[in-house]
Amino acid sequence: MDLTPEQRNDAAMRGHAALTSLLQQDVSGFFPPAEQRRPALIAWGLVAALQRQACAVVLLHRKGLGHEAAPNRRLMIEYMAQLQWLAKDGDGAVDSMNKAFQYTHSKLRKSVDEGGVFTYDDEVAASADAVAAAEIPPNAANQYSLTAKLLARLGHGLLEIWTSETQLSHAGLTAARAFFEDSSQEAVILHDTPHFGSTPDPSVLSPYMAFMLFYFGVEAFNDLMVGSPWSADLERIASECGLGDAGQQPQSQPGADGSQ
């Protein structure tokens, strides 16, 4: 029997609570030894941030602002994808993340210097310069610092979903069109809430999508801990909360235009 969106979202809320309870456990004893710890350490930061984004998506949905949670869902996709990347490539992914950080940090320093509005104090300037000057060896995984390439590698429709959420996250025609209709030559209809005509509201399953992304992020973090201690818990959560096959990532989500 097909579940209604409300039933899926209710199951997702239970799953969200169960995943959060896992993250509240003391995981320090499952971290790899110091010389192998970098991927797990970064993954902890990403999965903790992922949990908070899931909370934000749920909160906005409860307030009737699921449409406005698109930037949060988009960021959740990115966090989850980077967690999967760390689980797959380990130190290679860490080196690529460091390289990307070096680039973005250098861009920030350049924009501050050229903008002439803000200034670094001496200590921060020295830190920024040290990041820019660091020698990071070439790495074949550097291409996956580009979100589109990473999502294409992971598959399961993630690139398409992320692109859809991106259209709703940035100012532009796609975001604007949810608030007016101009198909009739007789009149233009203006809306102060998102409107999708006869197509489904793409945000109706926002909590369920957040749960899926949260789940696969936690699963990747589990894989980076010694002994993957949460495997049985994750299988149970997937079964009880509507994910079915725990190894099957989402194939599709409604698009920004409401298409299925």
C-alpha atoms as a PDB file:
ATOM      1  CA  MET A   1       0.000   0.000   0.000  1.00  0.00           C
ATOM      2  CA  ASP A   2       1.331   3.415  -0.974  1.00  0.00           C
ATOM      3  CA  LEU A   3       1.883   5.767   1.927  1.00  0.00           C
ATOM      4  CA  THR A   4       0.514   9.290   1.894  1.00  0.00           C
ATOM      5  CA  PRO A   5       2.953  12.213   2.127  1.00  0.00           C
ATOM      6  CA  GLU A   6       1.808  12.745   5.728  1.00  0.00           C
ATOM      7  CA  GLN A   7       2.565   9.124   6.617  1.00  0.00           C
ATOM      8  CA  ARG A   8       5.996   9.312   4.980  1.00  0.00           C
ATOM      9  CA  ASN A   9       6.766  12.531   6.800  1.00  0.00           C
ATOM     10  CA  ASP A  10       5.612  11.077  10.120  1.00  0.00           C
ATOM     11  CA  ALA A  11       7.943   8.111   9.595  1.00  0.00           C
ATOM     12  CA  ALA A  12      10.714  10.528   8.639  1.00  0.00           C
ATOM     13  CA  MET A  13      10.269  12.430  11.905  1.00  0.00           C
ATOM     14  CA  ARG A  14      10.736   9.189  13.835  1.00  0.00           C
ATOM     15  CA  GLY A  15      13.794   8.389  11.752  1.00  0.00           C
ATOM     16  CA  HIS A  16      15.222  11.837  12.330  1.00  0.00           C
ATOM     17  CA  ALA A  17      14.884  11.387  16.096  1.00  0.00           C
ATOM     18  CA  ALA A  18      16.498   7.936  15.946  1.00  0.00           C
ATOM     19  CA  LEU A  19      19.463   9.178  13.897  1.00  0.00           C
ATOM     20  CA  THR A  20      19.912  12.131  16.232  1.00  0.00           C
ATOM     21  CA  SER A  21      20.054   9.759  19.192  1.00  0.00           C
ATOM     22  CA  LEU A  22      22.935   7.927  17.501  1.00  0.00           C
ATOM     23  CA  LEU A  23      24.888  11.151  17.080  1.00  0.00           C
ATOM     24  CA  GLN A  24      24.370  11.962  20.746  1.00  0.00           C
ATOM     25  CA  GLN A  25      26.372   8.875  21.736  1.00  0.00           C
ATOM     26  CA  ASP A  26      30.059   9.109  22.631  1.00  0.00           C
ATOM     27  CA  VAL A  27      31.828   8.040  19.441  1.00  0.00           C
ATOM     28  CA  SER A  28      35.379   8.912  20.486  1.00  0.00           C
ATOM     29  CA  GLY A  29      36.190   5.266  21.186  1.00  0.00           C
ATOM     30  CA  PHE A  30      35.386   4.335  17.593  1.00  0.00           C
ATOM     31  CA  PHE A  31      37.648   6.881  15.923  1.00  0.00           C
ATOM     32  CA  PRO A  32      40.639   5.477  13.998  1.00  0.00           C
ATOM     33  CA  PRO A  33      44.163   5.989  15.374  1.00  0.00           C
ATOM     34  CA  ALA A  34      45.604   9.493  15.065  1.00  0.00           C
ATOM     35  CA  GLU A  35      47.489   8.887  11.825  1.00  0.00           C
ATOM     36  CA  GLN A  36      44.285   7.640  10.119  1.00  0.00           C
ATOM     37  CA  ARG A  37      41.814  10.022  11.742  1.00  0.00           C
ATOM     38  CA  ARG A  38      41.478  12.877   9.256  1.00  0.00           C
ATOM     39  CA  PRO A  39      38.527  11.509   7.208  1.00  0.00           C
ATOM     40  CA  ALA A  40      36.522  10.551  10.317  1.00  0.00           C
ATOM     41  CA  LEU A  41      37.235  13.855  12.033  1.00  0.00           C
ATOM     42  CA  ILE A  42      36.022  15.917   9.068  1.00  0.00           C
ATOM     43  CA  ALA A  43      33.084  13.550   8.644  1.00  0.00           C
ATOM     44  CA  TRP A  44      32.012  14.230  12.218  1.00  0.00           C
ATOM     45  CA  GLY A  45      31.916  17.956  11.497  1.00  0.00           C
ATOM     46  CA  LEU A  46      29.882  17.374   8.345  1.00  0.00           C
ATOM     47  CA  VAL A  47      27.411  14.950   9.900  1.00  0.00           C
ATOM     48  CA  ALA A  48      26.861  17.251  12.892  1.00  0.00           C
ATOM     49  CA  ALA A  49      26.149  20.109  10.473  1.00  0.00           C
ATOM     50  CA  LEU A  50      23.894  17.796   8.430  1.00  0.00           C
ATOM     51  CA  GLN A  51      21.806  17.025  11.516  1.00  0.00           C
ATOM     52  CA  ARG A  52      21.246  20.711  12.187  1.00  0.00           C
ATOM     53  CA  GLN A  53      20.217  21.335   8.590  1.00  0.00           C
ATOM     54  CA  ALA A  54      17.718  18.475   8.887  1.00  0.00           C
ATOM     55  CA  CYS A  55      16.304  20.177  11.984  1.00  0.00           C
ATOM     56  CA  ALA A  56      15.961  23.411  10.014  1.00  0.00           C
ATOM     57  CA  VAL A  57      14.110  21.659   7.165  1.00  0.00           C
ATOM     58  CA  VAL A  58      11.670  20.037   9.589  1.00  0.00           C
ATOM     59  CA  LEU A  59      11.089  23.305  11.440  1.00  0.00           C
ATOM     60  CA  LEU A  60      10.402  25.238   8.249  1.00  0.00           C
ATOM     61  CA  HIS A  61       8.022  22.520   7.042  1.00  0.00           C
ATOM     62  CA  ARG A  62       6.066  22.670  10.298  1.00  0.00           C
ATOM     63  CA  LYS A  63       5.748  26.442   9.875  1.00  0.00           C
ATOM     64  CA  GLY A  64       4.374  26.046   6.356  1.00  0.00           C
ATOM     65  CA  LEU A  65       7.663  27.121   4.773  1.00  0.00           C
ATOM     66  CA  GLY A  66       8.744  23.914   3.060  1.00  0.00           C
ATOM     67  CA  HIS A  67       9.231  25.789  -0.209  1.00  0.00           C
ATOM     68  CA  GLU A  68      11.660  28.159   1.505  1.00  0.00           C
ATOM     69  CA  ALA A  69      13.730  25.220   2.796  1.00  0.00           C
ATOM     70  CA  ALA A  70      15.215  24.630  -0.668  1.00  0.00           C
ATOM     71  CA  PRO A  71      18.614  26.136   0.293  1.00  0.00           C
ATOM     72  CA  ASN A  72      18.725  23.868   3.356  1.00  0.00           C
ATOM     73  CA  ARG A  73      17.853  20.765   1.349  1.00  0.00           C
ATOM     74  CA  ARG A  74      20.451  21.748  -1.251  1.00  0.00           C
ATOM     75  CA  LEU A  75      23.100  22.111   1.451  1.00  0.00           C
ATOM     76  CA  MET A  76      22.066  18.759   2.937  1.00  0.00           C
ATOM     77  CA  ILE A  77      22.730  17.124  -0.436  1.00  0.00           C
ATOM     78  CA  GLU A  78      26.203  18.655  -0.461  1.00  0.00           C
ATOM     79  CA  TYR A  79      26.989  17.573   3.117  1.00  0.00           C
ATOM     80  CA  MET A  80      25.739  14.054   2.452  1.00  0.00           C
ATOM     81  CA  ALA A  81      27.724  13.811  -0.786  1.00  0.00           C
ATOM     82  CA  GLN A  82      30.942  14.924   0.903  1.00  0.00           C
ATOM     83  CA  LEU A  83      30.385  12.363   3.650  1.00  0.00           C
ATOM     84  CA  GLN A  84      29.981   9.670   0.996  1.00  0.00           C
ATOM     85  CA  TRP A  85      33.139  10.961  -0.687  1.00  0.00           C
ATOM     86  CA  LEU A  86      35.121  10.708   2.543  1.00  0.00           C
ATOM     87  CA  ALA A  87      33.877   7.158   3.064  1.00  0.00           C
ATOM     88  CA  LYS A  88      34.934   6.201  -0.484  1.00  0.00           C
ATOM     89  CA  ASP A  89      38.254   8.047  -0.900  1.00  0.00           C
ATOM     90  CA  GLY A  90      39.442   8.702   2.652  1.00  0.00           C
ATOM     91  CA  ASP A  91      42.635  10.754   2.771  1.00  0.00           C
ATOM     92  CA  GLY A  92      42.380  11.521  -0.942  1.00  0.00           C
ATOM     93  CA  ALA A  93      39.097  13.310  -0.302  1.00  0.00           C
ATOM     94  CA  VAL A  94      40.630  15.173   2.645  1.00  0.00           C
ATOM     95  CA  ASP A  95      43.524  16.421   0.507  1.00  0.00           C
ATOM     96  CA  SER A  96      41.087  17.613  -2.144  1.00  0.00           C
ATOM     97  CA  MET A  97      38.977  19.384   0.472  1.00  0.00           C
ATOM     98  CA  ASN A  98      42.113  21.112   1.754  1.00  0.00           C
ATOM     99  CA  LYS A  99      42.951  22.199  -1.792  1.00  0.00           C
ATOM    100  CA  ALA A 100      39.439  23.593  -2.284  1.00  0.00           C
ATOM    101  CA  PHE A 101      39.648  25.386   1.071  1.00  0.00           C
ATOM    102  CA  GLN A 102      42.966  26.898   0.028  1.00  0.00           C
ATOM    103  CA  TYR A 103      41.320  28.255  -3.131  1.00  0.00           C
ATOM    104  CA  THR A 104      38.239  29.697  -1.417  1.00  0.00           C
ATOM    105  CA  HIS A 105      40.307  31.154   1.414  1.00  0.00           C
ATOM    106  CA  SER A 106      42.578  32.853  -1.122  1.00  0.00           C
ATOM    107  CA  LYS A 107      39.514  34.269  -2.901  1.00  0.00           C
ATOM    108  CA  LEU A 108      38.290  35.712   0.390  1.00  0.00           C
ATOM    109  CA  ARG A 109      41.660  37.317   1.082  1.00  0.00           C
ATOM    110  CA  LYS A 110      41.730  38.795  -2.431  1.00  0.00           C
ATOM    111  CA  SER A 111      38.186  40.171  -2.171  1.00  0.00           C
ATOM    112  CA  VAL A 112      38.969  41.804   1.182  1.00  0.00           C
ATOM    113  CA  ASP A 113      42.157  43.353  -0.150  1.00  0.00           C
ATOM    114  CA  GLU A 114      40.495  44.636  -3.323  1.00  0.00           C
ATOM    115  CA  GLY A 115      37.215  45.694  -1.722  1.00  0.00           C
ATOM    116  CA  GLY A 116      38.785  48.192   0.619  1.00  0.00           C
ATOM    117  CA  VAL A 117      35.910  48.003   3.129  1.00  0.00           C
ATOM    118  CA  PHE A 118      37.138  45.330   5.535  1.00  0.00           C
ATOM    119  CA  THR A 119      40.626  44.553   6.779  1.00  0.00           C
ATOM    120  CA  TYR A 120      42.371  41.606   8.355  1.00  0.00           C
ATOM    121  CA  ASP A 121      44.195  42.101  11.612  1.00  0.00           C
ATOM    122  CA  ASP A 122      47.796  40.908  11.575  1.00  0.00           C
ATOM    123  CA  GLU A 123      47.113  37.510  13.127  1.00  0.00           C
ATOM    124  CA  VAL A 124      44.272  36.656  10.753  1.00  0.00           C
ATOM    125  CA  ALA A 125      46.265  37.936   7.773  1.00  0.00           C
ATOM    126  CA  ALA A 126      49.182  35.698   8.709  1.00  0.00           C
ATOM    127  CA  SER A 127      46.866  32.708   8.979  1.00  0.00           C
ATOM    128  CA  ALA A 128      45.277  33.460   5.600  1.00  0.00           C
ATOM    129  CA  ASP A 129      48.683  33.796   3.973  1.00  0.00           C
ATOM    130  CA  ALA A 130      49.824  30.501   5.501  1.00  0.00           C
ATOM    131  CA  VAL A 131      46.804  28.729   4.003  1.00  0.00           C
ATOM    132  CA  ALA A 132      47.519  30.227   0.583  1.00  0.00           C
ATOM    133  CA  ALA A 133      51.192  29.243   0.737  1.00  0.00           C
ATOM    134  CA  ALA A 134      50.631  25.621   1.815  1.00  0.00           C
ATOM    135  CA  GLU A 135      51.930  22.974  -0.577  1.00  0.00           C
ATOM    136  CA  ILE A 136      49.242  20.402  -1.337  1.00  0.00           C
ATOM    137  CA  PRO A 137      50.243  17.628  -3.773  1.00  0.00           C
ATOM    138  CA  PRO A 138      48.176  17.051  -6.933  1.00  0.00           C
ATOM    139  CA  ASN A 139      45.327  14.629  -6.376  1.00  0.00           C
ATOM    140  CA  ALA A 140      43.160  12.850  -8.934  1.00  0.00           C
ATOM    141  CA  ALA A 141      40.188  13.334  -6.609  1.00  0.00           C
ATOM    142  CA  ASN A 142      40.408  17.143  -6.850  1.00  0.00           C
ATOM    143  CA  GLN A 143      37.727  17.128  -9.546  1.00  0.00           C
ATOM    144  CA  TYR A 144      35.184  16.031  -6.940  1.00  0.00           C
ATOM    145  CA  SER A 145      35.544  19.319  -5.102  1.00  0.00           C
ATOM    146  CA  LEU A 146      33.118  20.463  -7.801  1.00  0.00           C
ATOM    147  CA  THR A 147      29.708  19.506  -6.460  1.00  0.00           C
ATOM    148  CA  ALA A 148      28.268  18.628  -9.873  1.00  0.00           C
ATOM    149  CA  LYS A 149      31.095  16.168 -10.574  1.00  0.00           C
ATOM    150  CA  LEU A 150      30.800  14.575  -7.150  1.00  0.00           C
ATOM    151  CA  LEU A 151      27.033  14.152  -7.456  1.00  0.00           C
ATOM    152  CA  ALA A 152      27.360  12.733 -10.964  1.00  0.00           C
ATOM    153  CA  ARG A 153      29.837  10.204  -9.595  1.00  0.00           C
ATOM    154  CA  LEU A 154      27.484   9.180  -6.787  1.00  0.00           C
ATOM    155  CA  GLY A 155      24.501   8.902  -9.131  1.00  0.00           C
ATOM    156  CA  HIS A 156      21.005   7.976  -7.869  1.00  0.00           C
ATOM    157  CA  GLY A 157      19.544  11.194  -9.284  1.00  0.00           C
ATOM    158  CA  LEU A 158      21.417  13.375  -6.807  1.00  0.00           C
ATOM    159  CA  LEU A 159      22.711  15.775  -9.465  1.00  0.00           C
ATOM    160  CA  GLU A 160      19.201  16.316 -10.810  1.00  0.00           C
ATOM    161  CA  ILE A 161      17.746  16.888  -7.340  1.00  0.00           C
ATOM    162  CA  TRP A 162      20.550  19.280  -6.388  1.00  0.00           C
ATOM    163  CA  THR A 163      20.103  21.232  -9.619  1.00  0.00           C
ATOM    164  CA  SER A 164      16.377  21.492  -8.941  1.00  0.00           C
ATOM    165  CA  GLU A 165      16.952  22.778  -5.419  1.00  0.00           C
ATOM    166  CA  THR A 166      19.588  25.189  -6.749  1.00  0.00           C
ATOM    167  CA  GLN A 167      17.000  26.784  -9.033  1.00  0.00           C
ATOM    168  CA  LEU A 168      14.791  27.454  -6.014  1.00  0.00           C
ATOM    169  CA  SER A 169      17.704  28.603  -3.847  1.00  0.00           C
ATOM    170  CA  HIS A 170      18.860  31.440  -6.096  1.00  0.00           C
ATOM    171  CA  ALA A 171      17.100  34.533  -7.352  1.00  0.00           C
ATOM    172  CA  GLY A 172      15.820  33.920 -10.857  1.00  0.00           C
ATOM    173  CA  LEU A 173      12.849  33.089 -13.030  1.00  0.00           C
ATOM    174  CA  THR A 174      12.280  29.612 -11.579  1.00  0.00           C
ATOM    175  CA  ALA A 175      12.009  30.991  -8.054  1.00  0.00           C
ATOM    176  CA  ALA A 176       9.810  33.880  -9.193  1.00  0.00           C
ATOM    177  CA  ARG A 177       7.371  31.797 -11.231  1.00  0.00           C
ATOM    178  CA  ALA A 178       6.041  30.026  -8.148  1.00  0.00           C
ATOM    179  CA  PHE A 179       4.345  33.307  -7.259  1.00  0.00           C
ATOM    180  CA  PHE A 180       2.537  34.259 -10.477  1.00  0.00           C
ATOM    181  CA  GLU A 181       0.620  32.786 -13.412  1.00  0.00           C
ATOM    182  CA  ASP A 182       0.636  34.415 -16.817  1.00  0.00           C
ATOM    183  CA  SER A 183      -0.646  31.598 -19.004  1.00  0.00           C
ATOM    184  CA  SER A 184      -3.992  33.295 -19.565  1.00  0.00           C
ATOM    185  CA  GLN A 185      -4.224  36.205 -22.003  1.00  0.00           C
ATOM    186  CA  GLU A 186      -7.102  37.632 -19.998  1.00  0.00           C
ATOM    187  CA  ALA A 187      -5.426  38.126 -16.642  1.00  0.00           C
ATOM    188  CA  VAL A 188      -2.238  37.661 -14.677  1.00  0.00           C
ATOM    189  CA  ILE A 189      -2.683  35.975 -11.298  1.00  0.00           C
ATOM    190  CA  LEU A 190      -0.378  36.943  -8.461  1.00  0.00           C
ATOM    191  CA  HIS A 191       0.238  34.755  -5.388  1.00  0.00           C
ATOM    192  CA  ASP A 192       1.842  35.557  -2.049  1.00  0.00           C
ATOM    193  CA  THR A 193       2.493  31.868  -1.347  1.00  0.00           C
ATOM    194  CA  PRO A 194       4.059  29.295  -3.707  1.00  0.00           C
ATOM    195  CA  HIS A 195       1.642  27.987  -6.316  1.00  0.00           C
ATOM    196  CA  PHE A 196       2.195  25.062  -8.681  1.00  0.00           C
ATOM    197  CA  GLY A 197      -1.096  24.833 -10.535  1.00  0.00           C
ATOM    198  CA  SER A 198      -2.059  21.262 -11.291  1.00  0.00           C
ATOM    199  CA  THR A 199       1.418  19.868 -10.594  1.00  0.00           C
ATOM    200  CA  PRO A 200       2.407  18.524  -7.158  1.00  0.00           C
ATOM    201  CA  ASP A 201       4.055  20.814  -4.630  1.00  0.00           C
ATOM    202  CA  PRO A 202       7.730  19.727  -4.735  1.00  0.00           C
ATOM    203  CA  SER A 203       8.184  20.559  -1.045  1.00  0.00           C
ATOM    204  CA  VAL A 204       5.394  18.350   0.279  1.00  0.00           C
ATOM    205  CA  LEU A 205       7.866  15.591   1.202  1.00  0.00           C
ATOM    206  CA  SER A 206      10.510  17.957   2.541  1.00  0.00           C
ATOM    207  CA  PRO A 207      10.902  16.166   5.926  1.00  0.00           C
ATOM    208  CA  TYR A 208      11.126  12.776   4.214  1.00  0.00           C
ATOM    209  CA  MET A 209      13.815  14.045   1.835  1.00  0.00           C
ATOM    210  CA  ALA A 210      15.706  15.525   4.785  1.00  0.00           C
ATOM    211  CA  PHE A 211      15.528  12.172   6.578  1.00  0.00           C
ATOM    212  CA  MET A 212      16.892  10.303   3.546  1.00  0.00           C
ATOM    213  CA  LEU A 213      19.820  12.684   3.192  1.00  0.00           C
ATOM    214  CA  PHE A 214      20.471  12.588   6.937  1.00  0.00           C
ATOM    215  CA  TYR A 215      20.352   8.794   6.902  1.00  0.00           C
ATOM    216  CA  PHE A 216      22.864   8.351   4.074  1.00  0.00           C
ATOM    217  CA  GLY A 217      25.162  10.898   5.669  1.00  0.00           C
ATOM    218  CA  VAL A 218      25.092   9.048   8.998  1.00  0.00           C
ATOM    219  CA  GLU A 219      25.644   5.783   7.139  1.00  0.00           C
ATOM    220  CA  ALA A 220      28.823   7.207   5.559  1.00  0.00           C
ATOM    221  CA  PHE A 221      30.056   8.446   8.935  1.00  0.00           C
ATOM    222  CA  ASN A 222      29.382   4.996  10.402  1.00  0.00           C
ATOM    223  CA  ASP A 223      31.560   3.460   7.678  1.00  0.00           C
ATOM    224  CA  LEU A 224      34.455   5.713   8.744  1.00  0.00           C
ATOM    225  CA  MET A 225      34.336   4.574  12.380  1.00  0.00           C
ATOM    226  CA  VAL A 226      36.231   1.510  13.513  1.00  0.00           C
ATOM    227  CA  GLY A 227      33.965  -1.525  13.238  1.00  0.00           C
ATOM    228  CA  SER A 228      31.013   0.455  11.794  1.00  0.00           C
ATOM    229  CA  PRO A 229      29.262   0.258  15.181  1.00  0.00           C
ATOM    230  CA  TRP A 230      25.876   1.604  14.046  1.00  0.00           C
ATOM    231  CA  SER A 231      25.237  -0.806  11.180  1.00  0.00           C
ATOM    232  CA  ALA A 232      22.507  -2.786  12.932  1.00  0.00           C
ATOM    233  CA  ASP A 233      20.846   0.389  14.218  1.00  0.00           C
ATOM    234  CA  LEU A 234      20.846   1.903  10.751  1.00  0.00           C
ATOM    235  CA  GLU A 235      19.273  -1.181   9.210  1.00  0.00           C
ATOM    236  CA  ARG A 236      16.544  -1.068  11.835  1.00  0.00           C
ATOM    237  CA  ILE A 237      15.906   2.654  11.358  1.00  0.00           C
ATOM    238  CA  ALA A 238      15.699   2.239   7.590  1.00  0.00           C
ATOM    239  CA  SER A 239      13.216  -0.615   7.941  1.00  0.00           C
ATOM    240  CA  GLU A 240      11.041   1.068  10.563  1.00  0.00           C
ATOM    241  CA  CYS A 241      10.992   4.530   9.007  1.00  0.00           C
ATOM    242  CA  GLY A 242      10.189   3.885   5.388  1.00  0.00           C
ATOM    243  CA  LEU A 243      13.512   3.628   3.567  1.00  0.00           C
ATOM    244  CA  GLY A 244      13.079  -0.035   2.703  1.00  0.00           C
ATOM    245  CA  ASP A 245      16.366  -1.312   1.296  1.00  0.00           C
ATOM    246  CA  ALA A 246      18.960   0.602   3.307  1.00  0.00           C
ATOM    247  CA  GLY A 247      21.435   0.365   0.457  1.00  0.00           C
ATOM    248  CA  GLN A 248      19.125   2.024  -2.071  1.00  0.00           C
ATOM    249  CA  GLN A 249      19.576   5.761  -2.300  1.00  0.00           C
ATOM    250  CA  PRO A 250      16.721   7.948  -3.567  1.00  0.00           C
ATOM    251  CA  GLN A 251      16.116   7.635  -7.291  1.00  0.00           C
ATOM    252  CA  SER A 252      14.079  10.782  -7.789  1.00  0.00           C
ATOM    253  CA  GLN A 253      12.370  13.653  -6.101  1.00  0.00           C
ATOM    254  CA  PRO A 254       9.854  16.167  -7.419  1.00  0.00           C
ATOM    255  CA  GLY A 255      11.538  18.817  -9.542  1.00  0.00           C
ATOM    256  CA  ALA A 256      11.524  22.544  -9.026  1.00  0.00           C
ATOM    257  CA  ASP A 257       8.667  22.840 -11.481  1.00  0.00           C
ATOM    258  CA  GLY A 258       6.660  20.158  -9.668  1.00  0.00           C
ATOM    259  CA  SER A 259       7.474  17.386 -12.177  1.00  0.00           C
ATOM    260  CA  GLN A 260       7.920  13.851 -10.875  1.00  0.00           C
END
